Amino acid sequence: MTGDYRTPAQPPATAAGNLPLAVTTPNAARPAARATAPIPAGDAVDVLVDSHRRAVESTLASTTVSAGRLEILDERLMDLRRAYVVAPPVEMLGQLLRELDEVRLLASERQPAHVQVHLSEMIAVLATLIADALMKLGRLGQAQLWYGTARTAADDSGSWELRARVRVQAAMLPYYYGPLERAVSFTNEARLLNRYRPTATGAFAAAAAARAQARQGNAEAARAAIKEAQQLFDRCRKVASESDDAWAFPLRRLLLYLSGAYTYLGDTTHARDAQAEALMLYPDRTGIDPALLHLEQAMCLIHERSVTEACQLAGQTYLKVPAAHRTEILGARAQDIIDVLPENVRSVRAVRELGEILALPASTT
């Protein structure tokens, strides 16, 4: 049997999914014919589609993160970024992980697009600082994983500058511990993302590339990157002037990177100029950057064949750093002073004494 399966005694269904879009009118002469009538305003269809529209709009507008809460999260993140400049990495690690956990929980809930992007940006910054702290502590495998997490979050945010910045930061791990090719790759990715824009991130990327290429032995590329870093920094100097923020790139950090580039180029004159200027810009209470500059001064002395003086400076620098900051990365950089020396020179008394200092447990030095 074809046609309407309901009997005239059955009222038309009005539930969702079975709405009376056509009304059947019995007709004895023409039993198969149907007449339709326009749906009046305010009937079940209007009620249904309007309720669904309101539900969708409510979902799009719903958020567990108010503008005020986002502002508080931003303030707390800025406090952590400032504290990171001076606080020991072990102390910072716990604070960063706690903050990240809260942001992660918010990001796991349905948020409007602009809020989700903001939370992804926060996760990228926090994950990068966590990776940096782990690197300083010598936990290289975990640091590498966290840098990967930071890149994922930065990519999710869609911000080209954040994507570039996280890649520059990630280049530190292979710069200090290898392979250098990966450090160069990360910094070049960041430079491509920046596209020569006059930003602090662009200057940072070029300076980091210069340092890595100089250490790799690519002098021509290193000098070109040094020039690029200086030009970009000069064009954005006002933006890059903040110095009490771990996420900033002030002049003293530019000079730190240029010091590394010139040192590995063997250009001790320019390296010493950069080191002296940078050290004047660092406050009394800060992290390990001044110590890294002194160790590069020691490396310059190695280039000048002043082995004893270089080892004495490296040993004094290492011992002066507070125990909480005397982490694996500082020891590794001091060890570089020994590693660049020929085997027949390593038996010199000053070299042996430096090795003994570095071999002592941190609590006894």
Protein backbone atom coordinates (compact mmCIF):
# COMPACT_ATOMS: atom_id res chain seq x y z
CA MET A 1 0.00 0.00 0.00
CA THR A 2 1.28 3.45 -0.89
CA GLY A 3 0.36 6.91 0.35
CA ASP A 4 -0.15 8.09 3.92
CA TYR A 5 0.38 5.36 6.50
CA ARG A 6 -1.61 7.22 9.23
CA THR A 7 -5.39 6.86 9.64
CA PRO A 8 -7.51 10.02 9.89
CA ALA A 9 -7.89 9.36 13.62
CA GLN A 10 -4.13 9.74 14.19
CA PRO A 11 -3.03 13.31 14.86
CA PRO A 12 0.08 14.46 13.01
CA ALA A 13 3.28 14.03 15.02
CA THR A 14 4.95 17.23 16.24
CA ALA A 15 8.11 15.86 17.81
CA ALA A 16 11.50 16.89 16.46
CA GLY A 17 12.43 14.81 13.46
CA ASN A 18 8.75 14.06 12.55
CA LEU A 19 7.27 17.52 11.92
CA PRO A 20 4.06 17.99 9.82
CA LEU A 21 5.63 19.73 6.85
CA ALA A 22 2.57 18.64 4.75
CA VAL A 23 -0.97 18.21 6.06
CA THR A 24 -3.12 15.44 4.46
CA THR A 25 -6.78 16.29 3.76
CA PRO A 26 -9.14 13.31 3.20
CA ASN A 27 -11.05 13.45 -0.11
CA ALA A 28 -13.52 10.70 -1.06
CA ALA A 29 -13.35 11.35 -4.79
CA ARG A 30 -9.56 11.57 -4.93
CA PRO A 31 -8.19 9.38 -2.11
CA ALA A 32 -4.52 9.80 -3.11
CA ALA A 33 -4.47 13.59 -3.43
CA ARG A 34 -2.90 15.86 -0.77
CA ALA A 35 -3.29 19.55 -0.15
CA THR A 36 -0.56 21.65 1.50
CA ALA A 37 -0.91 24.81 3.50
CA PRO A 38 1.74 27.43 4.41
CA ILE A 39 3.30 27.02 7.84
CA PRO A 40 2.07 29.82 10.05
CA ALA A 41 4.60 31.90 12.00
CA GLY A 42 5.28 30.60 15.47
CA ASP A 43 4.43 27.00 14.71
CA ALA A 44 6.52 23.97 15.70
CA VAL A 45 9.11 24.44 12.91
CA ASP A 46 9.88 27.99 13.98
CA VAL A 47 10.10 26.90 17.58
CA LEU A 48 12.43 24.02 16.73
CA VAL A 49 14.87 25.82 14.41
CA ASP A 50 14.99 28.86 16.66
CA SER A 51 15.77 26.74 19.71
CA HIS A 52 18.64 25.05 17.85
CA ARG A 53 19.97 28.42 16.67
CA ARG A 54 19.92 29.77 20.21
CA ALA A 55 21.69 26.64 21.48
CA VAL A 56 24.46 27.03 18.89
CA GLU A 57 24.92 30.71 19.68
CA SER A 58 24.99 29.93 23.38
CA THR A 59 27.71 27.36 22.79
CA LEU A 60 29.75 29.80 20.72
CA ALA A 61 29.45 32.46 23.39
CA SER A 62 29.99 30.20 26.37
CA THR A 63 33.33 30.28 28.14
CA THR A 64 34.72 29.39 31.52
CA VAL A 65 37.30 32.16 31.17
CA SER A 66 36.07 35.69 31.63
CA ALA A 67 38.00 38.71 30.40
CA GLY A 68 38.93 39.43 34.01
CA ARG A 69 40.30 35.96 34.54
CA LEU A 70 42.37 36.16 31.37
CA GLU A 71 43.82 39.42 32.62
CA ILE A 72 44.74 37.79 35.94
CA LEU A 73 46.37 34.88 34.11
CA ASP A 74 48.37 37.34 31.99
CA GLU A 75 49.53 39.16 35.12
CA ARG A 76 50.63 35.93 36.78
CA LEU A 77 52.47 34.83 33.66
CA MET A 78 54.29 38.16 33.51
CA ASP A 79 55.28 37.77 37.17
CA LEU A 80 56.74 34.35 36.35
CA ARG A 81 58.60 35.72 33.35
CA ARG A 82 60.19 38.40 35.54
CA ALA A 83 61.00 35.99 38.35
CA TYR A 84 62.63 33.62 35.86
CA VAL A 85 65.35 36.16 35.11
CA VAL A 86 66.75 35.88 38.65
CA ALA A 87 65.30 32.75 40.32
CA PRO A 88 67.05 29.35 40.29
CA PRO A 89 65.66 26.87 37.73
CA VAL A 90 64.60 24.27 40.32
CA GLU A 91 62.52 26.87 42.14
CA MET A 92 60.95 28.12 38.92
CA LEU A 93 60.16 24.66 37.59
CA GLY A 94 57.52 23.97 40.24
CA GLN A 95 55.86 27.36 39.80
CA LEU A 96 55.77 27.05 36.02
CA LEU A 97 54.27 23.56 36.13
CA ARG A 98 51.53 24.66 38.53
CA GLU A 99 50.59 27.59 36.34
CA LEU A 100 50.66 25.45 33.21
CA ASP A 101 48.32 22.91 34.79
CA GLU A 102 45.69 25.57 35.40
CA VAL A 103 45.96 26.97 31.88
CA ARG A 104 45.83 23.46 30.41
CA LEU A 105 42.60 22.66 32.25
CA LEU A 106 40.99 25.81 30.88
CA ALA A 107 42.20 25.06 27.37
CA SER A 108 40.74 21.54 27.54
CA GLU A 109 37.23 23.01 27.87
CA ARG A 110 35.27 24.53 25.01
CA GLN A 111 36.30 28.17 24.67
CA PRO A 112 35.60 30.86 22.05
CA ALA A 113 38.29 30.95 19.37
CA HIS A 114 40.01 34.12 20.61
CA VAL A 115 40.21 32.71 24.16
CA GLN A 116 41.54 29.37 22.90
CA VAL A 117 44.25 31.18 20.94
CA HIS A 118 45.22 33.20 24.01
CA LEU A 119 45.47 30.04 26.12
CA SER A 120 47.61 28.34 23.45
CA GLU A 121 49.95 31.33 23.54
CA MET A 122 50.26 31.01 27.31
CA ILE A 123 50.96 27.30 27.05
CA ALA A 124 53.69 27.95 24.46
CA VAL A 125 55.45 30.47 26.72
CA LEU A 126 55.16 28.32 29.84
CA ALA A 127 56.33 25.17 28.04
CA THR A 128 59.33 27.05 26.64
CA LEU A 129 60.40 28.30 30.07
CA ILE A 130 59.94 24.79 31.51
CA ALA A 131 62.13 23.40 28.72
CA ASP A 132 64.76 26.06 29.40
CA ALA A 133 64.79 25.25 33.12
CA LEU A 134 65.17 21.54 32.37
CA MET A 135 68.02 22.28 29.97
CA LYS A 136 69.83 24.31 32.63
CA LEU A 137 69.44 21.38 35.02
CA GLY A 138 70.95 18.99 32.49
CA ARG A 139 67.72 17.05 31.91
CA LEU A 140 68.25 17.14 28.18
CA GLY A 141 65.75 14.48 27.09
CA GLN A 142 62.90 16.13 28.97
CA ALA A 143 63.97 19.55 27.74
CA GLN A 144 63.79 18.37 24.15
CA LEU A 145 60.29 16.97 24.68
CA TRP A 146 59.07 20.20 26.28
CA TYR A 147 60.52 22.33 23.48
CA GLY A 148 58.50 20.13 21.11
CA THR A 149 55.36 20.78 23.19
CA ALA A 150 56.07 24.50 23.08
CA ARG A 151 56.35 24.42 19.28
CA THR A 152 53.05 22.54 19.02
CA ALA A 153 51.28 25.12 21.20
CA ALA A 154 52.84 28.02 19.28
CA ASP A 155 51.76 26.52 15.97
CA ASP A 156 48.25 26.04 17.39
CA SER A 157 48.09 29.74 18.28
CA GLY A 158 48.65 30.76 14.67
CA SER A 159 50.98 33.61 15.69
CA TRP A 160 53.95 33.78 13.33
CA GLU A 161 56.00 35.74 15.88
CA LEU A 162 55.36 33.25 18.67
CA ARG A 163 56.18 30.37 16.33
CA ALA A 164 59.45 32.08 15.46
CA ARG A 165 60.28 32.92 19.06
CA VAL A 166 59.75 29.37 20.34
CA ARG A 167 62.03 28.01 17.61
CA VAL A 168 64.81 30.43 18.55
CA GLN A 169 64.49 29.34 22.18
CA ALA A 170 64.52 25.67 21.13
CA ALA A 171 67.80 26.26 19.28
CA MET A 172 69.59 26.75 22.62
CA LEU A 173 69.52 23.05 23.42
CA PRO A 174 71.37 21.87 20.28
CA TYR A 175 73.62 24.93 20.44
CA TYR A 176 74.95 23.92 23.84
CA TYR A 177 74.69 20.13 23.52
CA GLY A 178 74.47 19.40 19.78
CA PRO A 179 73.90 18.75 17.04
CA LEU A 180 74.75 22.24 15.81
CA GLU A 181 72.98 21.56 12.51
CA ARG A 182 69.67 21.48 14.37
CA ALA A 183 70.42 24.77 16.10
CA VAL A 184 71.12 26.40 12.74
CA SER A 185 67.94 24.85 11.31
CA PHE A 186 65.74 26.18 14.13
CA THR A 187 67.17 29.69 13.89
CA ASN A 188 66.78 29.76 10.12
CA GLU A 189 63.15 28.63 10.44
CA ALA A 190 62.60 31.52 12.82
CA ARG A 191 64.23 33.99 10.44
CA LEU A 192 61.98 32.80 7.59
CA LEU A 193 58.91 33.25 9.77
CA ASN A 194 60.05 36.74 10.72
CA ARG A 195 60.69 37.77 7.09
CA TYR A 196 63.07 40.60 8.03
CA ARG A 197 60.40 42.41 10.02
CA PRO A 198 61.93 44.87 12.54
CA THR A 199 61.02 42.84 15.63
CA ALA A 200 62.90 41.77 18.73
CA THR A 201 62.21 38.16 17.73
CA GLY A 202 63.79 38.78 14.34
CA ALA A 203 66.91 40.25 15.94
CA PHE A 204 67.01 37.34 18.38
CA ALA A 205 66.73 34.79 15.57
CA ALA A 206 69.53 36.39 13.56
CA ALA A 207 71.82 36.70 16.61
CA ALA A 208 71.19 33.06 17.56
CA ALA A 209 71.89 32.00 13.98
CA ALA A 210 75.14 33.96 14.00
CA ARG A 211 76.30 32.28 17.19
CA ALA A 212 75.43 28.78 15.97
CA GLN A 213 76.98 29.28 12.53
CA ALA A 214 80.16 30.72 14.05
CA ARG A 215 80.50 27.70 16.31
CA GLN A 216 79.83 25.49 13.29
CA GLY A 217 82.70 27.19 11.46
CA ASN A 218 80.61 28.99 8.83
CA ALA A 219 82.24 32.40 9.17
CA GLU A 220 80.62 34.07 6.15
CA ALA A 221 77.08 33.15 7.18
CA ALA A 222 77.81 34.11 10.78
CA ARG A 223 78.98 37.60 9.87
CA ALA A 224 75.96 38.13 7.62
CA ALA A 225 73.68 37.09 10.48
CA ILE A 226 75.49 39.44 12.89
CA LYS A 227 74.82 42.34 10.53
CA GLU A 228 71.16 41.32 10.20
CA ALA A 229 70.74 41.08 13.97
CA GLN A 230 72.23 44.52 14.56
CA GLN A 231 70.10 46.15 11.86
CA LEU A 232 66.85 44.57 13.06
CA PHE A 233 67.61 45.44 16.68
CA ASP A 234 68.37 49.05 15.84
CA ARG A 235 65.01 49.32 14.04
CA CYS A 236 63.06 47.97 17.01
CA ARG A 237 65.19 49.19 19.92
CA LYS A 238 62.27 50.76 21.82
CA VAL A 239 60.27 47.54 21.63
CA ALA A 240 63.26 45.49 22.71
CA SER A 241 64.27 47.68 25.65
CA GLU A 242 62.53 45.70 28.44
CA SER A 243 65.19 43.90 30.47
CA ASP A 244 63.41 42.35 33.45
CA ASP A 245 61.45 39.82 31.43
CA ALA A 246 62.69 36.37 30.43
CA TRP A 247 60.69 36.68 27.22
CA ALA A 248 62.27 40.00 26.23
CA PHE A 249 65.34 40.53 24.09
CA PRO A 250 67.10 43.62 25.47
CA LEU A 251 70.46 44.97 24.36
CA ARG A 252 72.39 42.96 26.96
CA ARG A 253 71.05 39.69 25.49
CA LEU A 254 71.90 40.78 21.96
CA LEU A 255 75.45 41.47 23.17
CA LEU A 256 75.58 38.06 24.88
CA TYR A 257 74.80 36.34 21.58
CA LEU A 258 77.18 38.54 19.61
CA SER A 259 79.86 37.74 22.17
CA GLY A 260 79.39 34.04 21.43
CA ALA A 261 79.48 34.61 17.69
CA TYR A 262 82.64 36.73 17.78
CA THR A 263 84.33 34.37 20.24
CA TYR A 264 83.87 31.35 17.97
CA LEU A 265 84.92 33.41 14.95
CA GLY A 266 88.18 34.06 16.80
CA ASP A 267 87.49 37.80 16.63
CA THR A 268 88.57 38.49 20.20
CA THR A 269 88.57 42.28 19.79
CA HIS A 270 84.87 42.50 18.96
CA ALA A 271 84.09 39.71 21.41
CA ARG A 272 85.72 41.59 24.29
CA ASP A 273 83.87 44.79 23.36
CA ALA A 274 80.53 42.96 23.40
CA GLN A 275 81.37 41.23 26.70
CA ALA A 276 82.40 44.43 28.45
CA GLU A 277 79.32 46.36 27.29
CA ALA A 278 76.96 43.51 28.20
CA LEU A 279 78.41 43.03 31.69
CA MET A 280 77.81 46.72 32.46
CA LEU A 281 74.12 46.27 31.62
CA TYR A 282 73.43 43.31 33.89
CA PRO A 283 72.09 44.05 37.40
CA ASP A 284 73.84 42.67 40.47
CA ARG A 285 71.19 39.99 41.00
CA THR A 286 70.54 38.00 37.86
CA GLY A 287 70.87 34.51 36.42
CA ILE A 288 73.86 32.88 34.79
CA ASP A 289 74.27 35.19 31.77
CA PRO A 290 77.14 37.20 33.35
CA ALA A 291 78.91 33.94 34.18
CA LEU A 292 78.48 32.80 30.56
CA LEU A 293 80.06 36.07 29.43
CA HIS A 294 83.04 35.54 31.74
CA LEU A 295 83.45 32.02 30.39
CA GLU A 296 83.53 33.47 26.87
CA GLN A 297 86.22 35.86 28.08
CA ALA A 298 88.12 32.76 29.16
CA MET A 299 87.59 31.25 25.71
CA CYS A 300 89.06 34.39 24.16
CA LEU A 301 92.12 33.89 26.35
CA ILE A 302 92.43 30.37 24.94
CA HIS A 303 92.44 31.86 21.42
CA GLU A 304 95.23 34.15 22.62
CA ARG A 305 97.13 31.13 24.04
CA SER A 306 96.82 32.32 27.66
CA VAL A 307 95.84 28.89 28.96
CA THR A 308 96.63 29.40 32.64
CA GLU A 309 94.80 32.70 32.84
CA ALA A 310 91.82 31.25 30.97
CA CYS A 311 91.47 28.28 33.32
CA GLN A 312 91.84 30.46 36.40
CA LEU A 313 89.12 32.80 35.15
CA ALA A 314 86.81 29.87 34.35
CA GLY A 315 87.35 28.32 37.78
CA GLN A 316 86.75 31.60 39.62
CA THR A 317 83.63 32.28 37.56
CA TYR A 318 82.18 28.86 38.31
CA LEU A 319 82.82 29.11 42.06
CA LYS A 320 81.34 32.61 42.36
CA VAL A 321 77.96 31.55 41.00
CA PRO A 322 75.48 30.77 43.84
CA ALA A 323 75.00 27.02 44.30
CA ALA A 324 71.34 27.15 43.20
CA HIS A 325 72.40 28.57 39.82
CA ARG A 326 75.48 26.38 39.45
CA THR A 327 73.67 23.93 37.23
CA GLU A 328 74.68 21.43 34.57
CA ILE A 329 74.73 23.96 31.75
CA LEU A 330 77.25 26.17 33.55
CA GLY A 331 79.50 23.20 34.22
CA ALA A 332 79.25 22.16 30.58
CA ARG A 333 80.27 25.61 29.40
CA ALA A 334 83.24 25.67 31.78
CA GLN A 335 84.20 22.19 30.56
CA ASP A 336 84.35 23.59 27.02
CA ILE A 337 87.45 25.54 28.11
CA ILE A 338 89.20 22.24 28.74
CA ASP A 339 87.76 20.41 25.76
CA VAL A 340 89.10 22.85 23.17
CA LEU A 341 92.67 22.37 24.42
CA PRO A 342 95.04 19.87 22.78
CA GLU A 343 95.65 16.71 24.82
CA ASN A 344 99.26 17.61 25.54
CA VAL A 345 98.17 20.88 27.19
CA ARG A 346 95.58 19.36 29.50
CA SER A 347 98.25 18.21 31.93
CA VAL A 348 99.10 21.82 32.78
CA ARG A 349 98.41 22.54 36.46
CA ALA A 350 95.80 25.24 35.85
CA VAL A 351 93.87 22.93 33.52
CA ARG A 352 93.93 20.08 36.05
CA GLU A 353 92.74 22.41 38.81
CA LEU A 354 89.81 23.57 36.69
CA GLY A 355 88.89 19.95 36.04
CA GLU A 356 89.00 19.21 39.77
CA ILE A 357 86.71 22.17 40.52
CA LEU A 358 84.18 20.99 37.95
CA ALA A 359 84.31 17.43 39.29
CA LEU A 360 83.30 18.48 42.81
CA PRO A 361 79.64 18.10 43.88
CA ALA A 362 77.83 21.43 43.76
CA SER A 363 77.18 21.36 47.51
CA THR A 364 80.91 21.33 48.26
CA THR A 365 81.83 24.18 45.94
